[in-house]
């Protein structure tokens, strides 16, 4: 099964609406048809600050490698440990990568789908 996360520009209210919709479906024993994994950024500037070209490369490398420790990942990318740790922390805080119980990092997504409206 393809693991997908959707990135969108939106507010905390938008995220809350998704949660409420899922909750109502659960209350009525109905299947929730919305995107199960969604990540909101307040604006495009914030999104681009988190998901830089360098971090996109890290995500792709990590997805291909599978669960990996940070030292091995830094060697794969030929980056120094301090720089990669900063990038990993930012991606982990945003929810784009996860940490395993044995302190490896993993990019669980096969697809990252972005949606941005030009007009309200």
PDB file of N, CA and C in Angstrom:
ATOM      1  N   UNK A   1       0.840  -1.185   0.000  1.00  0.00           N
ATOM      2  CA  UNK A   1       0.000   0.000   0.000  1.00  0.00           C
ATOM      3  C   UNK A   1       0.884   1.248   0.000  1.00  0.00           C
ATOM      4  N   UNK A   2       0.540   2.200  -0.813  1.00  0.00           N
ATOM      5  CA  UNK A   2       1.298   3.438  -0.919  1.00  0.00           C
ATOM      6  C   UNK A   2       1.047   4.316   0.301  1.00  0.00           C
ATOM      7  N   UNK A   3       2.126   4.769   0.919  1.00  0.00           N
ATOM      8  CA  UNK A   3       2.029   5.695   2.043  1.00  0.00           C
ATOM      9  C   UNK A   3       2.101   7.107   1.486  1.00  0.00           C
ATOM     10  N   UNK A   4       1.064   7.900   1.764  1.00  0.00           N
ATOM     11  CA  UNK A   4       0.986   9.240   1.196  1.00  0.00           C
ATOM     12  C   UNK A   4       0.709  10.254   2.291  1.00  0.00           C
ATOM     13  N   UNK A   5       1.356  11.400   2.171  1.00  0.00           N
ATOM     14  CA  UNK A   5       1.050  12.532   3.043  1.00  0.00           C
ATOM     15  C   UNK A   5       0.750  13.718   2.143  1.00  0.00           C
ATOM     16  N   UNK A   6      -0.213  14.498   2.547  1.00  0.00           N
ATOM     17  CA  UNK A   6      -0.578  15.681   1.773  1.00  0.00           C
ATOM     18  C   UNK A   6      -0.125  16.921   2.528  1.00  0.00           C
ATOM     19  N   UNK A   7       0.573  17.797   1.821  1.00  0.00           N
ATOM     20  CA  UNK A   7       1.011  19.071   2.380  1.00  0.00           C
ATOM     21  C   UNK A   7       0.103  20.155   1.814  1.00  0.00           C
ATOM     22  N   UNK A   8      -0.363  21.028   2.698  1.00  0.00           N
ATOM     23  CA  UNK A   8      -1.240  22.111   2.257  1.00  0.00           C
ATOM     24  C   UNK A   8      -0.932  23.374   3.044  1.00  0.00           C
ATOM     25  N   UNK A   9      -1.295  24.491   2.465  1.00  0.00           N
ATOM     26  CA  UNK A   9      -1.214  25.755   3.183  1.00  0.00           C
ATOM     27  C   UNK A   9      -2.538  25.932   3.907  1.00  0.00           C
ATOM     28  N   UNK A  10      -2.474  26.210   5.189  1.00  0.00           N
ATOM     29  CA  UNK A  10      -3.704  26.361   5.942  1.00  0.00           C
ATOM     30  C   UNK A  10      -3.429  26.760   7.377  1.00  0.00           C
ATOM     31  N   UNK A  11      -4.498  26.900   8.105  1.00  0.00           N
ATOM     32  CA  UNK A  11      -4.425  27.354   9.491  1.00  0.00           C
ATOM     33  C   UNK A  11      -4.689  26.200  10.445  1.00  0.00           C
ATOM     34  N   UNK A  12      -4.542  26.479  11.715  1.00  0.00           N
ATOM     35  CA  UNK A  12      -4.877  25.489  12.736  1.00  0.00           C
ATOM     36  C   UNK A  12      -6.357  25.130  12.645  1.00  0.00           C
ATOM     37  N   UNK A  13      -7.170  26.078  12.245  1.00  0.00           N
ATOM     38  CA  UNK A  13      -8.602  25.833  12.066  1.00  0.00           C
ATOM     39  C   UNK A  13      -8.853  24.803  10.962  1.00  0.00           C
ATOM     40  N   UNK A  14      -8.071  24.879   9.883  1.00  0.00           N
ATOM     41  CA  UNK A  14      -8.198  23.897   8.799  1.00  0.00           C
ATOM     42  C   UNK A  14      -7.862  22.495   9.300  1.00  0.00           C
ATOM     43  N   UNK A  15      -6.801  22.405  10.073  1.00  0.00           N
ATOM     44  CA  UNK A  15      -6.403  21.108  10.629  1.00  0.00           C
ATOM     45  C   UNK A  15      -7.488  20.585  11.569  1.00  0.00           C
ATOM     46  N   UNK A  16      -8.047  21.478  12.368  1.00  0.00           N
ATOM     47  CA  UNK A  16      -9.110  21.085  13.293  1.00  0.00           C
ATOM     48  C   UNK A  16     -10.333  20.573  12.539  1.00  0.00           C
ATOM     49  N   UNK A  17     -10.665  21.182  11.410  1.00  0.00           N
ATOM     50  CA  UNK A  17     -11.810  20.731  10.616  1.00  0.00           C
ATOM     51  C   UNK A  17     -11.611  19.299  10.118  1.00  0.00           C
ATOM     52  N   UNK A  18     -10.387  18.969   9.715  1.00  0.00           N
ATOM     53  CA  UNK A  18     -10.089  17.595   9.291  1.00  0.00           C
ATOM     54  C   UNK A  18     -10.286  16.615  10.440  1.00  0.00           C
ATOM     55  N   UNK A  19      -9.835  16.998  11.617  1.00  0.00           N
ATOM     56  CA  UNK A  19      -9.971  16.136  12.797  1.00  0.00           C
ATOM     57  C   UNK A  19     -11.439  15.955  13.155  1.00  0.00           C
ATOM     58  N   UNK A  20     -12.198  17.033  13.104  1.00  0.00           N
ATOM     59  CA  UNK A  20     -13.634  16.966  13.418  1.00  0.00           C
ATOM     60  C   UNK A  20     -14.363  16.069  12.423  1.00  0.00           C
ATOM     61  N   UNK A  21     -14.034  16.192  11.145  1.00  0.00           N
ATOM     62  CA  UNK A  21     -14.676  15.350  10.124  1.00  0.00           C
ATOM     63  C   UNK A  21     -14.383  13.874  10.380  1.00  0.00           C
ATOM     64  N   UNK A  22     -13.149  13.557  10.708  1.00  0.00           N
ATOM     65  CA  UNK A  22     -12.787  12.165  11.001  1.00  0.00           C
ATOM     66  C   UNK A  22     -13.510  11.681  12.257  1.00  0.00           C
ATOM     67  N   UNK A  23     -13.618  12.548  13.253  1.00  0.00           N
ATOM     68  CA  UNK A  23     -14.288  12.197  14.508  1.00  0.00           C
ATOM     69  C   UNK A  23     -15.771  11.892  14.261  1.00  0.00           C
ATOM     70  N   UNK A  24     -16.428  12.723  13.462  1.00  0.00           N
ATOM     71  CA  UNK A  24     -17.847  12.500  13.157  1.00  0.00           C
ATOM     72  C   UNK A  24     -18.047  11.169  12.430  1.00  0.00           C
ATOM     73  N   UNK A  25     -17.168  10.846  11.513  1.00  0.00           N
ATOM     74  CA  UNK A  25     -17.259   9.557  10.816  1.00  0.00           C
ATOM     75  C   UNK A  25     -17.126   8.407  11.808  1.00  0.00           C
ATOM     76  N   UNK A  26     -16.187   8.533  12.720  1.00  0.00           N
ATOM     77  CA  UNK A  26     -15.975   7.476  13.715  1.00  0.00           C
ATOM     78  C   UNK A  26     -17.201   7.328  14.616  1.00  0.00           C
ATOM     79  N   UNK A  27     -17.805   8.442  15.004  1.00  0.00           N
ATOM     80  CA  UNK A  27     -18.999   8.401  15.856  1.00  0.00           C
ATOM     81  C   UNK A  27     -20.159   7.670  15.184  1.00  0.00           C
ATOM     82  N   UNK A  28     -20.249   7.797  13.859  1.00  0.00           N
ATOM     83  CA  UNK A  28     -21.345   7.179  13.114  1.00  0.00           C
ATOM     84  C   UNK A  28     -20.933   5.870  12.452  1.00  0.00           C
ATOM     85  N   UNK A  29     -19.789   5.349  12.859  1.00  0.00           N
ATOM     86  CA  UNK A  29     -19.290   4.077  12.308  1.00  0.00           C
ATOM     87  C   UNK A  29     -19.162   4.115  10.786  1.00  0.00           C
ATOM     88  N   UNK A  30     -18.748   5.262  10.259  1.00  0.00           N
ATOM     89  CA  UNK A  30     -18.576   5.430   8.818  1.00  0.00           C
ATOM     90  C   UNK A  30     -17.091   5.517   8.496  1.00  0.00           C
ATOM     91  N   UNK A  31     -16.753   5.105   7.294  1.00  0.00           N
ATOM     92  CA  UNK A  31     -15.357   5.210   6.858  1.00  0.00           C
ATOM     93  C   UNK A  31     -15.030   6.668   6.568  1.00  0.00           C
ATOM     94  N   UNK A  32     -13.879   7.103   7.041  1.00  0.00           N
ATOM     95  CA  UNK A  32     -13.417   8.465   6.756  1.00  0.00           C
ATOM     96  C   UNK A  32     -12.747   8.452   5.396  1.00  0.00           C
ATOM     97  N   UNK A  33     -13.218   9.292   4.482  1.00  0.00           N
ATOM     98  CA  UNK A  33     -12.697   9.279   3.112  1.00  0.00           C
ATOM     99  C   UNK A  33     -11.663  10.368   2.858  1.00  0.00           C
ATOM    100  N   UNK A  34     -11.382  11.178   3.860  1.00  0.00           N
ATOM    101  CA  UNK A  34     -10.385  12.236   3.692  1.00  0.00           C
ATOM    102  C   UNK A  34      -8.974  11.673   3.732  1.00  0.00           C
ATOM    103  N   UNK A  35      -8.011  12.525   3.427  1.00  0.00           N
ATOM    104  CA  UNK A  35      -6.614  12.133   3.509  1.00  0.00           C
ATOM    105  C   UNK A  35      -6.282  11.857   4.965  1.00  0.00           C
ATOM    106  N   UNK A  36      -5.747  10.690   5.243  1.00  0.00           N
ATOM    107  CA  UNK A  36      -5.476  10.345   6.632  1.00  0.00           C
ATOM    108  C   UNK A  36      -4.251  11.063   7.178  1.00  0.00           C
ATOM    109  N   UNK A  37      -3.294  11.361   6.345  1.00  0.00           N
ATOM    110  CA  UNK A  37      -2.099  12.072   6.788  1.00  0.00           C
ATOM    111  C   UNK A  37      -2.035  13.407   6.062  1.00  0.00           C
ATOM    112  N   UNK A  38      -2.080  14.477   6.827  1.00  0.00           N
ATOM    113  CA  UNK A  38      -2.058  15.802   6.226  1.00  0.00           C
ATOM    114  C   UNK A  38      -1.203  16.711   7.095  1.00  0.00           C
ATOM    115  N   UNK A  39      -0.421  17.528   6.446  1.00  0.00           N
ATOM    116  CA  UNK A  39       0.478  18.442   7.137  1.00  0.00           C
ATOM    117  C   UNK A  39       0.206  19.850   6.628  1.00  0.00           C
ATOM    118  N   UNK A  40      -0.142  20.746   7.543  1.00  0.00           N
ATOM    119  CA  UNK A  40      -0.451  22.123   7.169  1.00  0.00           C
ATOM    120  C   UNK A  40       0.714  23.049   7.499  1.00  0.00           C
ATOM    121  N   UNK A  41       0.971  23.976   6.597  1.00  0.00           N
ATOM    122  CA  UNK A  41       1.913  25.062   6.839  1.00  0.00           C
ATOM    123  C   UNK A  41       1.138  26.362   6.738  1.00  0.00           C
ATOM    124  N   UNK A  42       1.480  27.299   7.596  1.00  0.00           N
ATOM    125  CA  UNK A  42       0.746  28.565   7.655  1.00  0.00           C
ATOM    126  C   UNK A  42       0.817  29.340   6.343  1.00  0.00           C
ATOM    127  N   UNK A  43       1.992  29.321   5.719  1.00  0.00           N
ATOM    128  CA  UNK A  43       2.160  30.047   4.463  1.00  0.00           C
ATOM    129  C   UNK A  43       3.280  29.403   3.651  1.00  0.00           C
ATOM    130  N   UNK A  44       3.418  29.838   2.410  1.00  0.00           N
ATOM    131  CA  UNK A  44       4.415  29.265   1.511  1.00  0.00           C
ATOM    132  C   UNK A  44       5.831  29.494   2.020  1.00  0.00           C
ATOM    133  N   UNK A  45       6.077  30.644   2.615  1.00  0.00           N
ATOM    134  CA  UNK A  45       7.410  30.944   3.130  1.00  0.00           C
ATOM    135  C   UNK A  45       7.834  29.927   4.182  1.00  0.00           C
ATOM    136  N   UNK A  46       6.921  29.572   5.078  1.00  0.00           N
ATOM    137  CA  UNK A  46       7.221  28.587   6.117  1.00  0.00           C
ATOM    138  C   UNK A  46       7.461  27.216   5.502  1.00  0.00           C
ATOM    139  N   UNK A  47       6.627  26.837   4.553  1.00  0.00           N
ATOM    140  CA  UNK A  47       6.806  25.558   3.864  1.00  0.00           C
ATOM    141  C   UNK A  47       8.186  25.480   3.221  1.00  0.00           C
ATOM    142  N   UNK A  48       8.570  26.525   2.500  1.00  0.00           N
ATOM    143  CA  UNK A  48       9.855  26.515   1.799  1.00  0.00           C
ATOM    144  C   UNK A  48      11.039  26.612   2.757  1.00  0.00           C
ATOM    145  N   UNK A  49      10.816  27.136   3.946  1.00  0.00           N
ATOM    146  CA  UNK A  49      11.870  27.178   4.958  1.00  0.00           C
ATOM    147  C   UNK A  49      12.121  25.771   5.521  1.00  0.00           C
ATOM    148  N   UNK A  50      11.052  24.999   5.660  1.00  0.00           N
ATOM    149  CA  UNK A  50      11.177  23.632   6.182  1.00  0.00           C
ATOM    150  C   UNK A  50      11.605  22.664   5.091  1.00  0.00           C
ATOM    151  N   UNK A  51      10.964  22.724   3.953  1.00  0.00           N
ATOM    152  CA  UNK A  51      11.222  21.755   2.887  1.00  0.00           C
ATOM    153  C   UNK A  51      12.113  22.391   1.817  1.00  0.00           C
ATOM    154  N   UNK A  52      13.380  22.532   2.157  1.00  0.00           N
ATOM    155  CA  UNK A  52      14.358  23.104   1.233  1.00  0.00           C
ATOM    156  C   UNK A  52      14.771  22.050   0.207  1.00  0.00           C
ATOM    157  N   UNK A  53      15.473  22.487  -0.810  1.00  0.00           N
ATOM    158  CA  UNK A  53      15.977  21.547  -1.821  1.00  0.00           C
ATOM    159  C   UNK A  53      16.899  20.512  -1.173  1.00  0.00           C
ATOM    160  N   UNK A  54      17.718  20.959  -0.263  1.00  0.00           N
ATOM    161  CA  UNK A  54      18.636  20.062   0.451  1.00  0.00           C
ATOM    162  C   UNK A  54      17.856  19.015   1.259  1.00  0.00           C
ATOM    163  N   UNK A  55      16.815  19.431   1.953  1.00  0.00           N
ATOM    164  CA  UNK A  55      16.021  18.492   2.765  1.00  0.00           C
ATOM    165  C   UNK A  55      15.209  17.554   1.878  1.00  0.00           C
ATOM    166  N   UNK A  56      14.801  18.028   0.710  1.00  0.00           N
ATOM    167  CA  UNK A  56      14.124  17.153  -0.250  1.00  0.00           C
ATOM    168  C   UNK A  56      15.075  16.033  -0.671  1.00  0.00           C
ATOM    169  N   UNK A  57      16.327  16.375  -0.919  1.00  0.00           N
ATOM    170  CA  UNK A  57      17.335  15.368  -1.262  1.00  0.00           C
ATOM    171  C   UNK A  57      17.516  14.380  -0.108  1.00  0.00           C
ATOM    172  N   UNK A  58      17.534  14.879   1.111  1.00  0.00           N
ATOM    173  CA  UNK A  58      17.646  14.014   2.283  1.00  0.00           C
ATOM    174  C   UNK A  58      16.462  13.052   2.350  1.00  0.00           C
ATOM    175  N   UNK A  59      15.251  13.566   2.146  1.00  0.00           N
ATOM    176  CA  UNK A  59      14.050  12.723   2.174  1.00  0.00           C
ATOM    177  C   UNK A  59      14.108  11.617   1.121  1.00  0.00           C
ATOM    178  N   UNK A  60      14.502  11.968  -0.088  1.00  0.00           N
ATOM    179  CA  UNK A  60      14.574  10.969  -1.163  1.00  0.00           C
ATOM    180  C   UNK A  60      15.624   9.906  -0.848  1.00  0.00           C
ATOM    181  N   UNK A  61      16.772  10.324  -0.359  1.00  0.00           N
ATOM    182  CA  UNK A  61      17.835   9.379  -0.013  1.00  0.00           C
ATOM    183  C   UNK A  61      17.386   8.464   1.115  1.00  0.00           C
ATOM    184  N   UNK A  62      16.768   9.035   2.124  1.00  0.00           N
ATOM    185  CA  UNK A  62      16.294   8.261   3.268  1.00  0.00           C
ATOM    186  C   UNK A  62      15.198   7.289   2.858  1.00  0.00           C
ATOM    187  N   UNK A  63      14.318   7.701   1.967  1.00  0.00           N
ATOM    188  CA  UNK A  63      13.243   6.812   1.505  1.00  0.00           C
ATOM    189  C   UNK A  63      13.821   5.600   0.789  1.00  0.00           C
ATOM    190  N   UNK A  64      14.841   5.821  -0.039  1.00  0.00           N
ATOM    191  CA  UNK A  64      15.476   4.712  -0.760  1.00  0.00           C
ATOM    192  C   UNK A  64      16.265   3.806   0.174  1.00  0.00           C
ATOM    193  N   UNK A  65      16.914   4.390   1.168  1.00  0.00           N
ATOM    194  CA  UNK A  65      17.773   3.620   2.072  1.00  0.00           C
ATOM    195  C   UNK A  65      16.979   2.838   3.109  1.00  0.00           C
ATOM    196  N   UNK A  66      15.818   3.333   3.486  1.00  0.00           N
ATOM    197  CA  UNK A  66      15.076   2.714   4.572  1.00  0.00           C
ATOM    198  C   UNK A  66      15.585   3.229   5.910  1.00  0.00           C
ATOM    199  N   UNK A  67      15.126   2.645   7.016  1.00  0.00           N
ATOM    200  CA  UNK A  67      15.553   3.111   8.336  1.00  0.00           C
ATOM    201  C   UNK A  67      17.082   3.127   8.446  1.00  0.00           C
ATOM    202  N   UNK A  68      17.612   4.268   8.844  1.00  0.00           N
ATOM    203  CA  UNK A  68      19.056   4.481   8.835  1.00  0.00           C
ATOM    204  C   UNK A  68      19.458   5.347  10.023  1.00  0.00           C
ATOM    205  N   UNK A  69      20.646   5.098  10.547  1.00  0.00           N
ATOM    206  CA  UNK A  69      21.160   5.982  11.592  1.00  0.00           C
ATOM    207  C   UNK A  69      21.721   7.243  10.936  1.00  0.00           C
ATOM    208  N   UNK A  70      21.820   8.295  11.709  1.00  0.00           N
ATOM    209  CA  UNK A  70      22.224   9.584  11.143  1.00  0.00           C
ATOM    210  C   UNK A  70      23.659   9.579  10.623  1.00  0.00           C
ATOM    211  N   UNK A  71      24.545   8.836  11.255  1.00  0.00           N
ATOM    212  CA  UNK A  71      25.931   8.776  10.782  1.00  0.00           C
ATOM    213  C   UNK A  71      25.998   8.153   9.392  1.00  0.00           C
ATOM    214  N   UNK A  72      25.281   7.048   9.187  1.00  0.00           N
ATOM    215  CA  UNK A  72      25.261   6.404   7.866  1.00  0.00           C
ATOM    216  C   UNK A  72      24.640   7.322   6.824  1.00  0.00           C
ATOM    217  N   UNK A  73      23.586   8.020   7.215  1.00  0.00           N
ATOM    218  CA  UNK A  73      22.921   8.936   6.288  1.00  0.00           C
ATOM    219  C   UNK A  73      23.853  10.087   5.898  1.00  0.00           C
ATOM    220  N   UNK A  74      24.593  10.610   6.862  1.00  0.00           N
ATOM    221  CA  UNK A  74      25.521  11.701   6.542  1.00  0.00           C
ATOM    222  C   UNK A  74      26.611  11.225   5.589  1.00  0.00           C
ATOM    223  N   UNK A  75      27.032   9.974   5.721  1.00  0.00           N
ATOM    224  CA  UNK A  75      28.033   9.423   4.798  1.00  0.00           C
ATOM    225  C   UNK A  75      27.439   9.226   3.403  1.00  0.00           C
ATOM    226  N   UNK A  76      26.188   8.754   3.330  1.00  0.00           N
ATOM    227  CA  UNK A  76      25.535   8.566   2.031  1.00  0.00           C
ATOM    228  C   UNK A  76      25.444   9.876   1.260  1.00  0.00           C
ATOM    229  N   UNK A  77      25.145  10.947   1.986  1.00  0.00           N
ATOM    230  CA  UNK A  77      24.951  12.252   1.360  1.00  0.00           C
ATOM    231  C   UNK A  77      26.241  13.075   1.293  1.00  0.00           C
ATOM    232  N   UNK A  78      27.266  12.586   1.990  1.00  0.00           N
ATOM    233  CA  UNK A  78      28.538  13.307   2.076  1.00  0.00           C
ATOM    234  C   UNK A  78      28.346  14.690   2.716  1.00  0.00           C
ATOM    235  N   UNK A  79      27.564  14.718   3.805  1.00  0.00           N
ATOM    236  CA  UNK A  79      27.307  15.927   4.575  1.00  0.00           C
ATOM    237  C   UNK A  79      27.915  15.754   5.955  1.00  0.00           C
ATOM    238  N   UNK A  80      28.244  16.857   6.626  1.00  0.00           N
ATOM    239  CA  UNK A  80      28.791  16.711   7.974  1.00  0.00           C
ATOM    240  C   UNK A  80      27.670  16.438   8.977  1.00  0.00           C
ATOM    241  N   UNK A  81      28.056  15.846  10.104  1.00  0.00           N
ATOM    242  CA  UNK A  81      27.083  15.388  11.105  1.00  0.00           C
ATOM    243  C   UNK A  81      26.212  16.514  11.666  1.00  0.00           C
ATOM    244  N   UNK A  82      26.803  17.656  11.921  1.00  0.00           N
ATOM    245  CA  UNK A  82      26.053  18.762  12.525  1.00  0.00           C
ATOM    246  C   UNK A  82      24.973  19.278  11.567  1.00  0.00           C
ATOM    247  N   UNK A  83      25.331  19.439  10.295  1.00  0.00           N
ATOM    248  CA  UNK A  83      24.364  19.930   9.308  1.00  0.00           C
ATOM    249  C   UNK A  83      23.208  18.957   9.140  1.00  0.00           C
ATOM    250  N   UNK A  84      23.536  17.675   9.046  1.00  0.00           N
ATOM    251  CA  UNK A  84      22.470  16.694   8.816  1.00  0.00           C
ATOM    252  C   UNK A  84      21.558  16.594  10.029  1.00  0.00           C
ATOM    253  N   UNK A  85      22.111  16.764  11.229  1.00  0.00           N
ATOM    254  CA  UNK A  85      21.286  16.699  12.433  1.00  0.00           C
ATOM    255  C   UNK A  85      20.273  17.832  12.456  1.00  0.00           C
ATOM    256  N   UNK A  86      20.683  19.017  12.031  1.00  0.00           N
ATOM    257  CA  UNK A  86      19.764  20.159  11.950  1.00  0.00           C
ATOM    258  C   UNK A  86      18.629  19.861  10.976  1.00  0.00           C
ATOM    259  N   UNK A  87      18.967  19.330   9.811  1.00  0.00           N
ATOM    260  CA  UNK A  87      17.949  19.004   8.808  1.00  0.00           C
ATOM    261  C   UNK A  87      17.018  17.903   9.304  1.00  0.00           C
ATOM    262  N   UNK A  88      17.571  16.884   9.923  1.00  0.00           N
ATOM    263  CA  UNK A  88      16.753  15.787  10.456  1.00  0.00           C
ATOM    264  C   UNK A  88      15.803  16.309  11.525  1.00  0.00           C
ATOM    265  N   UNK A  89      16.297  17.133  12.436  1.00  0.00           N
ATOM    266  CA  UNK A  89      15.439  17.677  13.494  1.00  0.00           C
ATOM    267  C   UNK A  89      14.270  18.470  12.915  1.00  0.00           C
ATOM    268  N   UNK A  90      14.546  19.284  11.910  1.00  0.00           N
ATOM    269  CA  UNK A  90      13.491  20.097  11.297  1.00  0.00           C
ATOM    270  C   UNK A  90      12.447  19.214  10.605  1.00  0.00           C
ATOM    271  N   UNK A  91      12.903  18.216   9.863  1.00  0.00           N
ATOM    272  CA  UNK A  91      11.972  17.317   9.164  1.00  0.00           C
ATOM    273  C   UNK A  91      11.202  16.441  10.145  1.00  0.00           C
ATOM    274  N   UNK A  92      11.859  16.056  11.231  1.00  0.00           N
ATOM    275  CA  UNK A  92      11.184  15.245  12.248  1.00  0.00           C
ATOM    276  C   UNK A  92      10.117  16.070  12.971  1.00  0.00           C
ATOM    277  N   UNK A  93      10.434  17.306  13.313  1.00  0.00           N
ATOM    278  CA  UNK A  93       9.458  18.177  13.979  1.00  0.00           C
ATOM    279  C   UNK A  93       8.243  18.441  13.100  1.00  0.00           C
ATOM    280  N   UNK A  94       8.458  18.504  11.795  1.00  0.00           N
ATOM    281  CA  UNK A  94       7.338  18.758  10.883  1.00  0.00           C
ATOM    282  C   UNK A  94       6.514  17.499  10.617  1.00  0.00           C
ATOM    283  N   UNK A  95       7.063  16.329  10.922  1.00  0.00           N
ATOM    284  CA  UNK A  95       6.342  15.080  10.687  1.00  0.00           C
ATOM    285  C   UNK A  95       6.672  14.408   9.369  1.00  0.00           C
ATOM    286  N   UNK A  96       7.671  14.915   8.660  1.00  0.00           N
ATOM    287  CA  UNK A  96       8.021  14.314   7.370  1.00  0.00           C
ATOM    288  C   UNK A  96       8.961  13.121   7.505  1.00  0.00           C
ATOM    289  N   UNK A  97       9.668  13.025   8.615  1.00  0.00           N
ATOM    290  CA  UNK A  97      10.424  11.808   8.910  1.00  0.00           C
ATOM    291  C   UNK A  97      10.103  11.386  10.337  1.00  0.00           C
ATOM    292  N   UNK A  98      10.317  10.119  10.611  1.00  0.00           N
ATOM    293  CA  UNK A  98      10.032   9.559  11.929  1.00  0.00           C
ATOM    294  C   UNK A  98      11.290   8.923  12.487  1.00  0.00           C
ATOM    295  N   UNK A  99      11.319   8.767  13.799  1.00  0.00           N
ATOM    296  CA  UNK A  99      12.436   8.103  14.459  1.00  0.00           C
ATOM    297  C   UNK A  99      11.947   6.748  14.978  1.00  0.00           C
ATOM    298  N   UNK A 100      12.747   5.705  14.750  1.00  0.00           N
ATOM    299  CA  UNK A 100      12.388   4.360  15.191  1.00  0.00           C
ATOM    300  C   UNK A 100      12.791   4.174  16.655  1.00  0.00           C
ATOM    301  N   UNK A 101      12.298   3.114  17.296  1.00  0.00           N
ATOM    302  CA  UNK A 101      12.685   2.851  18.687  1.00  0.00           C
ATOM    303  C   UNK A 101      14.196   2.636  18.876  1.00  0.00           C
ATOM    304  N   UNK A 102      14.895   2.256  17.810  1.00  0.00           N
ATOM    305  CA  UNK A 102      16.345   2.055  17.939  1.00  0.00           C
ATOM    306  C   UNK A 102      17.125   3.259  17.406  1.00  0.00           C
ATOM    307  N   UNK A 103      16.474   4.430  17.423  1.00  0.00           N
ATOM    308  CA  UNK A 103      17.083   5.719  17.089  1.00  0.00           C
ATOM    309  C   UNK A 103      17.565   5.834  15.650  1.00  0.00           C
ATOM    310  N   UNK A 104      16.882   5.169  14.751  1.00  0.00           N
ATOM    311  CA  UNK A 104      17.131   5.382  13.330  1.00  0.00           C
ATOM    312  C   UNK A 104      16.051   6.336  12.824  1.00  0.00           C
ATOM    313  N   UNK A 105      16.312   6.948  11.677  1.00  0.00           N
ATOM    314  CA  UNK A 105      15.303   7.814  11.069  1.00  0.00           C
ATOM    315  C   UNK A 105      14.776   7.141   9.811  1.00  0.00           C
ATOM    316  N   UNK A 106      13.522   7.427   9.503  1.00  0.00           N
ATOM    317  CA  UNK A 106      12.885   6.810   8.345  1.00  0.00           C
ATOM    318  C   UNK A 106      11.934   7.816   7.694  1.00  0.00           C
ATOM    319  N   UNK A 107      11.883   7.777   6.376  1.00  0.00           N
ATOM    320  CA  UNK A 107      10.909   8.564   5.616  1.00  0.00           C
ATOM    321  C   UNK A 107       9.831   7.580   5.163  1.00  0.00           C
ATOM    322  N   UNK A 108       8.695   7.526   5.856  1.00  0.00           N
ATOM    323  CA  UNK A 108       7.699   6.496   5.576  1.00  0.00           C
ATOM    324  C   UNK A 108       6.845   6.748   4.339  1.00  0.00           C
ATOM    325  N   UNK A 109       6.991   7.903   3.728  1.00  0.00           N
ATOM    326  CA  UNK A 109       6.100   8.290   2.639  1.00  0.00           C
ATOM    327  C   UNK A 109       6.633   7.862   1.281  1.00  0.00           C
ATOM    328  N   UNK A 110       5.761   7.272   0.472  1.00  0.00           N
ATOM    329  CA  UNK A 110       6.069   7.004  -0.931  1.00  0.00           C
ATOM    330  C   UNK A 110       5.758   8.239  -1.767  1.00  0.00           C
ATOM    331  N   UNK A 111       4.754   8.983  -1.318  1.00  0.00           N
ATOM    332  CA  UNK A 111       4.274  10.155  -2.058  1.00  0.00           C
ATOM    333  C   UNK A 111       4.091  11.316  -1.084  1.00  0.00           C
ATOM    334  N   UNK A 112       4.622  12.463  -1.459  1.00  0.00           N
ATOM    335  CA  UNK A 112       4.335  13.711  -0.753  1.00  0.00           C
ATOM    336  C   UNK A 112       3.615  14.591  -1.762  1.00  0.00           C
ATOM    337  N   UNK A 113       2.357  14.850  -1.467  1.00  0.00           N
ATOM    338  CA  UNK A 113       1.504  15.605  -2.387  1.00  0.00           C
ATOM    339  C   UNK A 113       1.299  17.008  -1.824  1.00  0.00           C
ATOM    340  N   UNK A 114       1.565  18.025  -2.632  1.00  0.00           N
ATOM    341  CA  UNK A 114       1.417  19.407  -2.179  1.00  0.00           C
ATOM    342  C   UNK A 114       0.230  20.065  -2.869  1.00  0.00           C
ATOM    343  N   UNK A 115      -0.500  20.837  -2.090  1.00  0.00           N
ATOM    344  CA  UNK A 115      -1.653  21.550  -2.625  1.00  0.00           C
ATOM    345  C   UNK A 115      -1.609  22.986  -2.119  1.00  0.00           C
ATOM    346  N   UNK A 116      -1.611  23.943  -3.072  1.00  0.00           N
ATOM    347  CA  UNK A 116      -1.568  25.355  -2.710  1.00  0.00           C
ATOM    348  C   UNK A 116      -2.539  26.131  -3.585  1.00  0.00           C
ATOM    349  N   UNK A 117      -3.403  26.889  -2.943  1.00  0.00           N
ATOM    350  CA  UNK A 117      -4.381  27.703  -3.676  1.00  0.00           C
ATOM    351  C   UNK A 117      -3.814  29.097  -3.919  1.00  0.00           C
ATOM    352  N   UNK A 118      -4.045  29.602  -5.102  1.00  0.00           N
ATOM    353  CA  UNK A 118      -3.649  30.973  -5.403  1.00  0.00           C
ATOM    354  C   UNK A 118      -4.724  31.959  -4.974  1.00  0.00           C
ATOM    355  N   UNK A 119      -5.975  31.507  -4.982  1.00  0.00           N
ATOM    356  CA  UNK A 119      -7.087  32.367  -4.581  1.00  0.00           C
ATOM    357  C   UNK A 119      -7.940  31.633  -3.563  1.00  0.00           C
ATOM    358  N   UNK A 120      -8.543  32.392  -2.675  1.00  0.00           N
ATOM    359  CA  UNK A 120      -9.379  31.792  -1.627  1.00  0.00           C
ATOM    360  C   UNK A 120     -10.684  31.278  -2.177  1.00  0.00           C
TER     361      UNK A 120
END
